[in-house]
Protein backbone atom coordinates (compact mmCIF):
# COMPACT_ATOMS: atom_id res chain seq x y z
CA UNK A 1 61.68 81.68 112.51
CA UNK A 2 63.52 80.66 115.65
CA UNK A 3 67.03 81.51 116.74
CA UNK A 4 69.55 78.81 115.97
CA UNK A 5 71.85 77.66 118.75
CA UNK A 6 75.11 78.99 117.43
CA UNK A 7 78.01 76.77 116.51
CA UNK A 8 80.99 77.75 118.57
CA UNK A 9 84.12 78.29 116.57
CA UNK A 10 87.66 78.27 117.91
CA UNK A 11 88.51 81.59 119.55
CA UNK A 12 91.87 83.13 118.81
CA UNK A 13 93.75 83.77 122.05
CA UNK A 14 95.75 86.89 122.74
CA UNK A 15 99.51 86.71 122.95
CA UNK A 16 102.44 88.99 123.78
CA UNK A 17 103.21 92.14 121.86
CA UNK A 18 105.73 92.12 119.02
CA UNK A 19 107.63 95.18 117.82
CA UNK A 20 106.67 96.83 114.55
CA UNK A 21 109.14 97.54 111.76
CA UNK A 22 110.04 101.18 111.35
CA UNK A 23 109.09 102.74 108.03
CA UNK A 24 109.03 106.12 106.34
CA UNK A 25 110.17 107.95 109.46
CA UNK A 26 107.42 106.38 111.60
CA UNK A 27 108.26 103.90 114.32
CA UNK A 28 106.31 100.70 114.70
CA UNK A 29 104.68 102.13 117.82
CA UNK A 30 103.42 105.13 115.82
CA UNK A 31 102.13 102.98 112.98
CA UNK A 32 100.40 100.70 115.43
CA UNK A 33 97.94 103.27 116.68
CA UNK A 34 98.64 106.89 117.49
CA UNK A 35 95.47 107.93 119.24
CA UNK A 36 94.20 109.80 116.18
CA UNK A 37 90.61 109.74 117.40
CA UNK A 38 91.54 111.75 120.49
CA UNK A 39 93.31 114.42 118.45
CA UNK A 40 90.63 115.32 115.95
CA UNK A 41 88.67 114.10 112.90
CA UNK A 42 89.58 110.66 111.61
CA UNK A 43 90.06 109.76 107.95
CA UNK A 44 89.80 106.14 106.91
CA UNK A 45 90.74 104.80 103.50
CA UNK A 46 88.86 101.70 102.40
CA UNK A 47 89.57 99.29 99.58
CA UNK A 48 87.11 96.53 98.70
CA UNK A 49 88.36 94.02 96.16
CA UNK A 50 85.08 93.41 94.33
CA UNK A 51 81.36 94.10 94.65
CA UNK A 52 79.15 91.30 95.92
CA UNK A 53 76.66 91.19 98.82
CA UNK A 54 78.99 89.63 101.42
CA UNK A 55 81.78 92.17 100.97
CA UNK A 56 79.28 95.01 100.65
CA UNK A 57 77.88 93.89 104.01
CA UNK A 58 81.34 94.14 105.60
CA UNK A 59 81.63 97.75 104.47
CA UNK A 60 78.13 98.52 105.72
CA UNK A 61 78.80 96.83 109.06
CA UNK A 62 82.13 98.61 109.52
CA UNK A 63 80.58 102.04 109.05
CA UNK A 64 77.69 101.08 111.31
CA UNK A 65 80.16 99.99 113.98
CA UNK A 66 82.18 103.19 113.67
CA UNK A 67 79.00 105.24 114.04
CA UNK A 68 78.05 103.24 117.14
CA UNK A 69 81.51 104.03 118.54
CA UNK A 70 80.83 107.76 118.17
CA UNK A 71 82.47 108.50 114.81
CA UNK A 72 79.71 110.59 113.28
CA UNK A 73 79.35 113.77 111.26
CA UNK A 74 82.57 115.73 110.93
CA UNK A 75 84.37 113.37 113.32
CA UNK A 76 85.10 110.94 110.47
CA UNK A 77 85.53 110.85 106.71
CA UNK A 78 86.06 107.98 104.29
CA UNK A 79 87.98 107.56 101.06
CA UNK A 80 86.06 104.58 99.66
CA UNK A 81 87.47 102.52 96.79
CA UNK A 82 86.51 99.35 94.93
CA UNK A 83 88.93 97.46 92.68
CA UNK A 84 86.06 95.64 90.90
CA UNK A 85 88.12 92.45 90.86
CA UNK A 86 90.96 93.95 88.82
CA UNK A 87 94.48 93.47 90.19
CA UNK A 88 95.92 96.53 88.41
CA UNK A 89 93.16 98.72 89.82
CA UNK A 90 93.70 97.13 93.21
CA UNK A 91 97.40 98.08 93.16
CA UNK A 92 96.64 101.61 91.94
CA UNK A 93 94.16 102.23 94.75
CA UNK A 94 96.60 100.98 97.36
CA UNK A 95 99.26 103.30 95.95
CA UNK A 96 96.90 106.24 96.25
CA UNK A 97 96.02 105.39 99.85
CA UNK A 98 99.68 104.89 100.75
CA UNK A 99 100.54 108.38 99.52
CA UNK A 100 97.71 110.15 101.37
CA UNK A 101 99.27 111.58 104.54
CA UNK A 102 95.84 112.50 105.95
CA UNK A 103 94.66 108.89 106.27
CA UNK A 104 94.77 107.50 109.82
CA UNK A 105 93.84 103.87 109.07
CA UNK A 106 93.19 101.67 106.03
CA UNK A 107 90.46 99.03 105.87
CA UNK A 108 91.13 96.34 103.25
CA UNK A 109 88.24 94.00 102.48
CA UNK A 110 89.02 90.55 101.00
CA UNK A 111 92.39 88.83 100.65
CA UNK A 112 93.76 90.38 97.41
CA UNK A 113 93.18 93.92 98.69
CA UNK A 114 94.55 93.05 102.11
CA UNK A 115 97.71 91.57 100.58
CA UNK A 116 98.30 94.63 98.41
CA UNK A 117 97.71 97.00 101.31
CA UNK A 118 99.98 95.05 103.67
CA UNK A 119 102.82 95.13 101.15
CA UNK A 120 102.65 98.85 100.44
CA UNK A 121 101.28 100.55 103.56
CA UNK A 122 103.59 100.27 106.54
CA UNK A 123 103.45 103.62 108.33
CA UNK A 124 99.79 103.51 109.45
CA UNK A 125 97.52 100.72 110.75
CA UNK A 126 95.92 98.40 108.19
CA UNK A 127 92.86 96.41 109.19
CA UNK A 128 91.61 93.59 106.99
CA UNK A 129 88.26 91.83 106.95
CA UNK A 130 86.77 88.87 105.06
CA UNK A 131 90.15 87.12 104.89
CA UNK A 132 89.86 83.37 105.38
CA UNK A 133 93.42 82.46 106.37
CA UNK A 134 95.56 85.51 107.25
CA UNK A 135 98.64 83.41 108.01
CA UNK A 136 98.55 81.51 104.72
CA UNK A 137 97.98 84.82 102.93
CA UNK A 138 101.15 86.10 104.64
CA UNK A 139 99.33 89.03 106.22
CA UNK A 140 100.35 88.20 109.79
CA UNK A 141 103.09 86.22 111.50
CA UNK A 142 100.42 84.42 113.51
CA UNK A 143 96.78 84.98 114.34
CA UNK A 144 97.65 85.42 118.02
CA UNK A 145 100.47 87.96 117.49
CA UNK A 146 100.33 89.55 114.01
CA UNK A 147 103.69 91.26 114.47
CA UNK A 148 103.47 94.31 112.19
CA UNK A 149 100.98 97.11 111.45
CA UNK A 150 98.35 94.72 110.07
CA UNK A 151 95.56 92.80 111.82
CA UNK A 152 91.82 92.31 111.37
CA UNK A 153 88.97 89.82 111.18
CA UNK A 154 88.84 86.44 109.48
CA UNK A 155 85.79 84.91 107.81
CA UNK A 156 87.05 81.37 108.30
CA UNK A 157 84.04 79.21 107.66
CA UNK A 158 83.05 75.88 109.29
CA UNK A 159 83.55 73.71 106.19
CA UNK A 160 82.96 70.38 107.91
CA UNK A 161 79.67 71.53 109.43
CA UNK A 162 78.60 72.88 106.04
CA UNK A 163 79.27 69.53 104.36
CA UNK A 164 77.48 67.75 107.20
CA UNK A 165 74.50 69.99 106.41
CA UNK A 166 74.64 68.72 102.82
CA UNK A 167 74.35 65.14 104.08
CA UNK A 168 71.32 66.16 106.13
CA UNK A 169 69.42 67.67 103.24
CA UNK A 170 70.68 65.34 100.51
CA UNK A 171 71.71 61.99 102.07
CA UNK A 172 72.39 60.34 98.70
CA UNK A 173 74.98 62.92 97.63
CA UNK A 174 78.45 61.42 97.20
CA UNK A 175 80.37 63.73 94.84
CA UNK A 176 80.66 67.43 95.62
CA UNK A 177 81.85 69.94 93.02
CA UNK A 178 83.87 73.03 93.88
CA UNK A 179 84.58 75.83 91.43
CA UNK A 180 87.34 78.08 92.74
CA UNK A 181 89.67 80.83 91.62
CA UNK A 182 93.28 79.81 91.00
CA UNK A 183 94.32 83.40 91.72
CA UNK A 184 92.99 83.59 95.29
CA UNK A 185 95.24 82.10 97.97
CA UNK A 186 92.42 81.46 100.41
CA UNK A 187 90.37 79.56 97.84
CA UNK A 188 92.94 76.77 97.52
CA UNK A 189 93.06 76.56 101.31
CA UNK A 190 89.29 76.09 101.47
CA UNK A 191 89.37 73.39 98.80
CA UNK A 192 91.86 71.48 100.95
CA UNK A 193 89.68 71.97 104.03
CA UNK A 194 86.75 70.59 102.03
CA UNK A 195 88.77 67.57 100.93
CA UNK A 196 89.82 66.85 104.51
CA UNK A 197 86.25 67.13 105.77
CA UNK A 198 84.85 65.11 102.86
CA UNK A 199 87.21 62.23 103.64
CA UNK A 200 85.71 62.03 107.11
CA UNK A 201 82.14 62.20 105.82
CA UNK A 202 82.31 59.66 103.01
CA UNK A 203 82.22 62.33 100.30
CA UNK A 204 84.56 63.01 97.39
CA UNK A 205 85.49 66.43 96.00
CA UNK A 206 85.65 67.24 92.29
CA UNK A 207 87.23 70.60 91.54
CA UNK A 208 87.50 73.02 88.65
CA UNK A 209 89.75 76.09 88.77
CA UNK A 210 88.94 79.35 87.02
CA UNK A 211 90.95 82.49 86.30
CA UNK A 212 88.04 84.92 85.83
CA UNK A 213 84.38 85.23 86.92
CA UNK A 214 83.24 84.74 83.33
CA UNK A 215 84.42 81.12 83.54
CA UNK A 216 82.27 80.12 86.52
CA UNK A 217 79.28 78.67 84.69
CA UNK A 218 81.40 76.72 82.20
CA UNK A 219 83.46 75.28 85.04
CA UNK A 220 80.30 74.26 86.89
CA UNK A 221 78.91 72.60 83.76
CA UNK A 222 82.10 70.55 83.42
CA UNK A 223 81.61 68.80 86.78
CA UNK A 224 79.54 65.60 87.04
CA UNK A 225 78.58 65.85 90.70
CA UNK A 226 75.68 65.44 93.15
CA UNK A 227 76.03 68.87 94.77
CA UNK A 228 78.09 72.04 94.68
CA UNK A 229 80.00 73.67 97.51
CA UNK A 230 80.79 77.38 97.06
CA UNK A 231 83.69 78.65 99.21
CA UNK A 232 84.22 82.30 100.11
CA UNK A 233 85.86 82.88 96.74
CA UNK A 234 85.37 86.43 95.49
CA UNK A 235 85.47 85.59 91.78
CA UNK A 236 82.98 82.73 92.12
CA UNK A 237 80.62 84.56 94.47
CA UNK A 238 80.57 87.62 92.19
CA UNK A 239 79.35 85.35 89.35
CA UNK A 240 77.27 83.01 91.51
CA UNK A 241 74.16 83.15 89.33
CA UNK A 242 75.87 81.16 86.58
CA UNK A 243 76.67 78.32 88.95
CA UNK A 244 73.16 78.43 90.40
CA UNK A 245 71.68 78.09 86.92
CA UNK A 246 73.79 75.01 86.32
CA UNK A 247 72.78 73.50 89.66
CA UNK A 248 69.11 74.07 88.90
CA UNK A 249 69.49 72.39 85.51
CA UNK A 250 71.24 69.43 87.12
CA UNK A 251 68.66 69.40 89.96
CA UNK A 252 71.36 69.38 92.64
CA UNK A 253 71.79 71.43 95.84
CA UNK A 254 74.31 74.21 96.41
CA UNK A 255 75.88 74.60 99.84
CA UNK A 256 77.34 78.09 100.19
CA UNK A 257 79.90 79.36 102.68
CA UNK A 258 77.93 82.51 103.51
CA UNK A 259 74.36 83.54 104.19
CA UNK A 260 74.18 86.18 101.47
CA UNK A 261 74.76 83.52 98.81
CA UNK A 262 71.78 81.57 100.17
CA UNK A 263 69.66 84.68 99.85
CA UNK A 264 70.78 84.87 96.20
CA UNK A 265 69.70 81.29 95.47
CA UNK A 266 72.07 78.76 97.05
CA UNK A 267 70.26 76.00 98.94
CA UNK A 268 71.60 76.30 102.48
CA UNK A 269 74.53 77.02 104.78
CA UNK A 270 75.82 77.40 108.28
CA UNK A 271 77.28 80.78 107.48
CA UNK A 272 78.85 83.97 108.73
CA UNK A 273 76.91 87.22 109.00
CA UNK A 274 79.23 89.59 107.15
CA UNK A 275 77.61 92.74 108.48
CA UNK A 276 78.38 91.54 112.01
CA UNK A 277 81.94 90.85 110.88
CA UNK A 278 82.21 94.46 109.71
CA UNK A 279 80.90 95.75 113.04
CA UNK A 280 83.46 93.62 114.87
CA UNK A 281 86.23 95.04 112.67
CA UNK A 282 85.08 98.57 113.55
CA UNK A 283 85.49 97.78 117.25
CA UNK A 284 89.10 96.87 116.54
CA UNK A 285 89.56 100.11 114.59
CA UNK A 286 88.18 102.15 117.47
CA UNK A 287 90.71 100.66 119.90
CA UNK A 288 93.60 101.30 117.49
CA UNK A 289 92.56 104.89 116.74
CA UNK A 290 92.24 105.68 120.44
CA UNK A 291 95.70 104.26 121.11
CA UNK A 292 94.29 101.48 123.29
CA UNK A 293 95.72 98.69 121.14
CA UNK A 294 98.39 98.10 118.51
CA UNK A 295 97.97 95.83 115.47
CA UNK A 296 101.26 94.03 116.21
CA UNK A 297 99.85 92.51 119.39
CA UNK A 298 96.14 92.60 118.56
CA UNK A 299 95.00 89.05 117.71
CA UNK A 300 93.10 88.36 114.53
CA UNK A 301 89.43 87.92 115.45
CA UNK A 302 86.67 85.67 114.14
CA UNK A 303 82.95 85.63 114.77
CA UNK A 304 82.22 83.17 117.57
CA UNK A 305 78.99 81.95 116.03
CA UNK A 306 77.47 81.13 112.68
CA UNK A 307 73.82 80.94 111.64
CA UNK A 308 71.70 78.49 109.67
CA UNK A 309 70.32 79.90 106.42
CA UNK A 310 67.84 78.02 104.19
CA UNK A 311 66.35 78.85 100.80
CA UNK A 312 63.10 76.91 100.48
CA UNK A 313 62.35 78.41 97.06
CA UNK A 314 65.67 77.13 95.69
CA UNK A 315 65.14 73.74 97.34
CA UNK A 316 61.71 73.28 95.78
CA UNK A 317 63.11 73.98 92.31
CA UNK A 318 65.34 70.91 92.59
CA UNK A 319 62.78 68.74 94.39
CA UNK A 320 64.22 69.00 97.92
CA UNK A 321 62.31 69.36 101.17
CA UNK A 322 64.17 70.49 104.28
CA UNK A 323 63.78 68.38 107.44
CA UNK A 324 61.43 69.99 109.95
CA UNK A 325 64.16 70.32 112.57
CA UNK A 326 66.27 72.42 110.20
CA UNK A 327 63.35 74.69 109.41
CA UNK A 328 62.86 75.30 113.11
CA UNK A 329 66.53 76.11 113.64
CA UNK A 330 67.03 78.48 110.72
CA UNK A 331 67.83 82.10 111.55
CA UNK A 332 66.82 83.10 108.00
CA UNK A 333 64.57 81.27 105.50
CA UNK A 334 64.03 82.57 101.96
């Protein structure tokens, strides 16, 4: 396998600092980053919205990045939590973290957990990761100058390039189906991005909204399409196998938004490496904990490159053969 020349995504530029809102006796400056790492052991509370490989990789990457920054042994402890896709559990975990005076920083992984944490935790820094559109999710005032005690990393995916990849591997495809969760703000945003890109590429989008992971396969079955596109939707990705079964029955490709979904059986993607995203988030945490940066003026970051992932086994099951040039470019082939 050869390294793929990375697609360059738009970098988020830094802007001027904004003041934080005072809360619970702490000033915005204190909440923004109080140099906890220099004073002694650090405690980090984490909340992951649901278990699936991409979000698990963020958690793994974050801890790897913290270790690389020197937070090892008794220098750091974690209070790890997983809401398992349940909003009530999500809120309960956030409440617990908010009341723990020993926690120096909270890491919230995926949009629903980030939104809950941002609403309830205002006296300490909150870092998010795997959030597609932080502004639309009302987590930050802007990506350049977040403005409060919350910042982090976005997993905004290159939707147009992903749909262009579909045209490369399946030139006859015209109708693309998207199953998405009506309860996830970033999912609706991605559907609109897909519609905008499809209009430029001569494709049409057929959509089906779900309210729970158990509905994914039925929703996929309801769509008469030539291919599926799977956004970074936590409910859909957690139940991806149902959609993949439907795609195999229909003999149509599945373009995913992330590399882990290709490993699980989607056909291909130009996707984000979520472990790298977690490492990048840890670098932000290190700066905040050392008092070198404050969330209010710390721009939201994205990965500056994405990789090509192919699943030849999945392609063969639906009668597809990848062009030779794509095989040569792929960073991972399954």
